[in-house]
Structure formats: C-alpha cells, structure tokens
Amino acid sequence: MKLAYVYIMSNKNRTTLYIGVTNNIKRRTLEHKSGTGSVFTKRYNLHDLLYYEEIQGMMNGIRREKQLKNWHKEWKWNLIKELNPELQDLAESWFSEEEIEEYKRGKG
C-alpha cells in the first residue's frame, strides 16, 4: 500500500493554517514554498510546514485530512504543538532558496 502524507502549512506569523494530503511530501512542500501549491496558500503565504504524518493508503490519508479539517482550530494547534512545540518550519532545510526559485521559474 502506498504512503500518503497529511500535512499542515502556515504563514510566518502563524495566523492561518492549511491542511492537505499528498503522496509526495517533499514535492508538495516545494510547490507551496515556491507559491505554486494552491491559490489559497499563495494568497496567504503559507510556506512553512508545521506538521505532517504518514498514512497507509491515499484513501486513509483523505479521510484523515477531512477529519483534521473538521477539528476546532485549538485542536489543530494542540496536534501541531505535540510534535513541534517550537512551531518550526519542518522543511526549512529541505530546499535552498535557489531550488525554490528554480522550481518557481519552471512552473511559471
């Protein structure tokens, strides 16, 4: 069974959250960081990966994504802080600025 990843992105001020599901967390994070991930994440500058979890199977991942989207905001923050109490960008070291810019140019 293939892996799915449910993830939560936020902006630098930690005022807005975005929950998504993907089969490739690194590629999807690069899309968000380059502003090509979604209209919503681009509009609100949601570039920081605060949380992700591996799920067995895409259908299970989609179910988990929907579950988290229905949670109260406080519950979402509690989930994030359990694994990431400092609210650090978990993908901060995954890509250089040059890689992000290069990806952006290739998609633009």
Protein backbone atom coordinates (compact mmCIF):
# COMPACT_ATOMS: atom_id res chain seq x y z
CA MET A 1 0.00 0.00 0.00
CA LYS A 2 1.35 3.42 -0.96
CA LEU A 3 2.00 6.09 1.63
CA ALA A 4 0.04 9.31 1.89
CA TYR A 5 1.03 12.34 3.92
CA VAL A 6 -1.39 14.63 5.70
CA TYR A 7 0.28 17.96 6.38
CA ILE A 8 -0.33 21.40 7.85
CA MET A 9 1.21 24.58 6.43
CA SER A 10 1.18 28.05 7.96
CA ASN A 11 2.47 31.56 7.34
CA LYS A 12 5.39 33.15 9.21
CA ASN A 13 3.06 34.83 11.73
CA ARG A 14 1.23 31.53 12.38
CA THR A 15 -2.18 33.13 11.82
CA THR A 16 -3.56 30.83 9.10
CA LEU A 17 -3.46 27.06 8.66
CA TYR A 18 -3.79 24.92 5.55
CA ILE A 19 -4.37 21.16 5.73
CA GLY A 20 -3.62 18.99 2.73
CA VAL A 21 -2.86 15.44 1.63
CA THR A 22 -0.25 14.24 -0.87
CA ASN A 23 1.65 11.17 -1.93
CA ASN A 24 4.95 13.09 -2.05
CA ILE A 25 5.56 15.43 0.89
CA LYS A 26 8.82 16.91 -0.43
CA ARG A 27 7.42 17.78 -3.85
CA ARG A 28 4.23 19.22 -2.37
CA THR A 29 6.17 21.30 0.15
CA LEU A 30 8.36 22.66 -2.65
CA GLU A 31 5.20 23.62 -4.55
CA HIS A 32 3.92 25.54 -1.53
CA LYS A 33 7.27 27.23 -0.85
CA SER A 34 7.51 28.33 -4.48
CA GLY A 35 3.96 29.70 -4.48
CA THR A 36 2.69 27.11 -6.96
CA GLY A 37 0.95 24.86 -4.40
CA SER A 38 -2.53 26.34 -4.41
CA VAL A 39 -4.24 29.70 -4.79
CA PHE A 40 -5.10 29.73 -1.07
CA THR A 41 -1.55 29.03 0.13
CA LYS A 42 -0.11 31.56 -2.33
CA ARG A 43 -2.60 34.25 -1.26
CA TYR A 44 -1.82 33.79 2.46
CA ASN A 45 1.90 32.96 2.07
CA LEU A 46 1.53 29.55 3.70
CA HIS A 47 5.10 28.33 3.15
CA ASP A 48 6.03 26.75 6.49
CA LEU A 49 5.46 23.04 7.09
CA LEU A 50 4.44 22.74 10.75
CA TYR A 51 3.16 19.17 10.84
CA TYR A 52 2.89 16.02 8.78
CA GLU A 53 2.07 12.40 9.33
CA GLU A 54 2.45 9.27 7.22
CA ILE A 55 -0.74 7.35 6.48
CA GLN A 56 -1.03 3.94 4.81
CA GLY A 57 -3.03 4.45 1.59
CA MET A 58 -4.35 7.57 -0.09
CA MET A 59 -7.98 6.88 0.84
CA ASN A 60 -6.97 6.75 4.52
CA GLY A 61 -4.99 9.95 4.01
CA ILE A 62 -8.01 11.70 2.52
CA ARG A 63 -10.16 10.54 5.44
CA ARG A 64 -7.60 11.88 7.92
CA GLU A 65 -7.36 15.19 6.04
CA LYS A 66 -11.14 15.62 6.20
CA GLN A 67 -11.13 14.71 9.88
CA LEU A 68 -8.50 17.36 10.70
CA LYS A 69 -10.27 19.99 8.60
CA ASN A 70 -13.36 19.47 10.77
CA TRP A 71 -11.45 19.96 14.03
CA HIS A 72 -11.63 23.18 16.04
CA LYS A 73 -8.65 25.45 15.47
CA GLU A 74 -7.45 24.90 19.05
CA TRP A 75 -7.35 21.12 18.50
CA LYS A 76 -5.27 21.62 15.35
CA TRP A 77 -2.78 23.78 17.23
CA ASN A 78 -2.58 21.22 20.03
CA LEU A 79 -1.81 18.49 17.50
CA ILE A 80 0.93 20.59 15.90
CA LYS A 81 2.48 21.53 19.27
CA GLU A 82 2.62 17.89 20.40
CA LEU A 83 5.27 17.14 17.78
CA ASN A 84 6.53 20.65 17.03
CA PRO A 85 6.28 22.77 20.21
CA GLU A 86 8.57 25.48 18.79
CA LEU A 87 6.38 25.79 15.66
CA GLN A 88 9.46 25.50 13.47
CA ASP A 89 9.27 25.02 9.71
CA LEU A 90 9.98 21.28 9.50
CA ALA A 91 11.10 21.66 5.88
CA GLU A 92 13.38 24.64 6.47
CA SER A 93 16.49 22.69 5.44
CA TRP A 94 14.89 20.65 2.63
CA PHE A 95 15.47 23.20 -0.16
CA SER A 96 17.81 26.08 -0.88
CA GLU A 97 16.45 29.45 -1.99
CA GLU A 98 17.93 28.70 -5.41
CA GLU A 99 15.99 25.41 -5.67
CA ILE A 100 12.76 27.18 -4.73
CA GLU A 101 13.36 29.94 -7.29
CA GLU A 102 14.30 27.42 -9.98
CA TYR A 103 11.12 25.43 -9.32
CA LYS A 104 9.08 28.64 -9.45
CA ARG A 105 10.59 29.60 -12.82
CA GLY A 106 9.90 26.13 -14.22
CA LYS A 107 6.22 26.31 -13.20
CA GLY A 108 5.65 29.95 -14.09
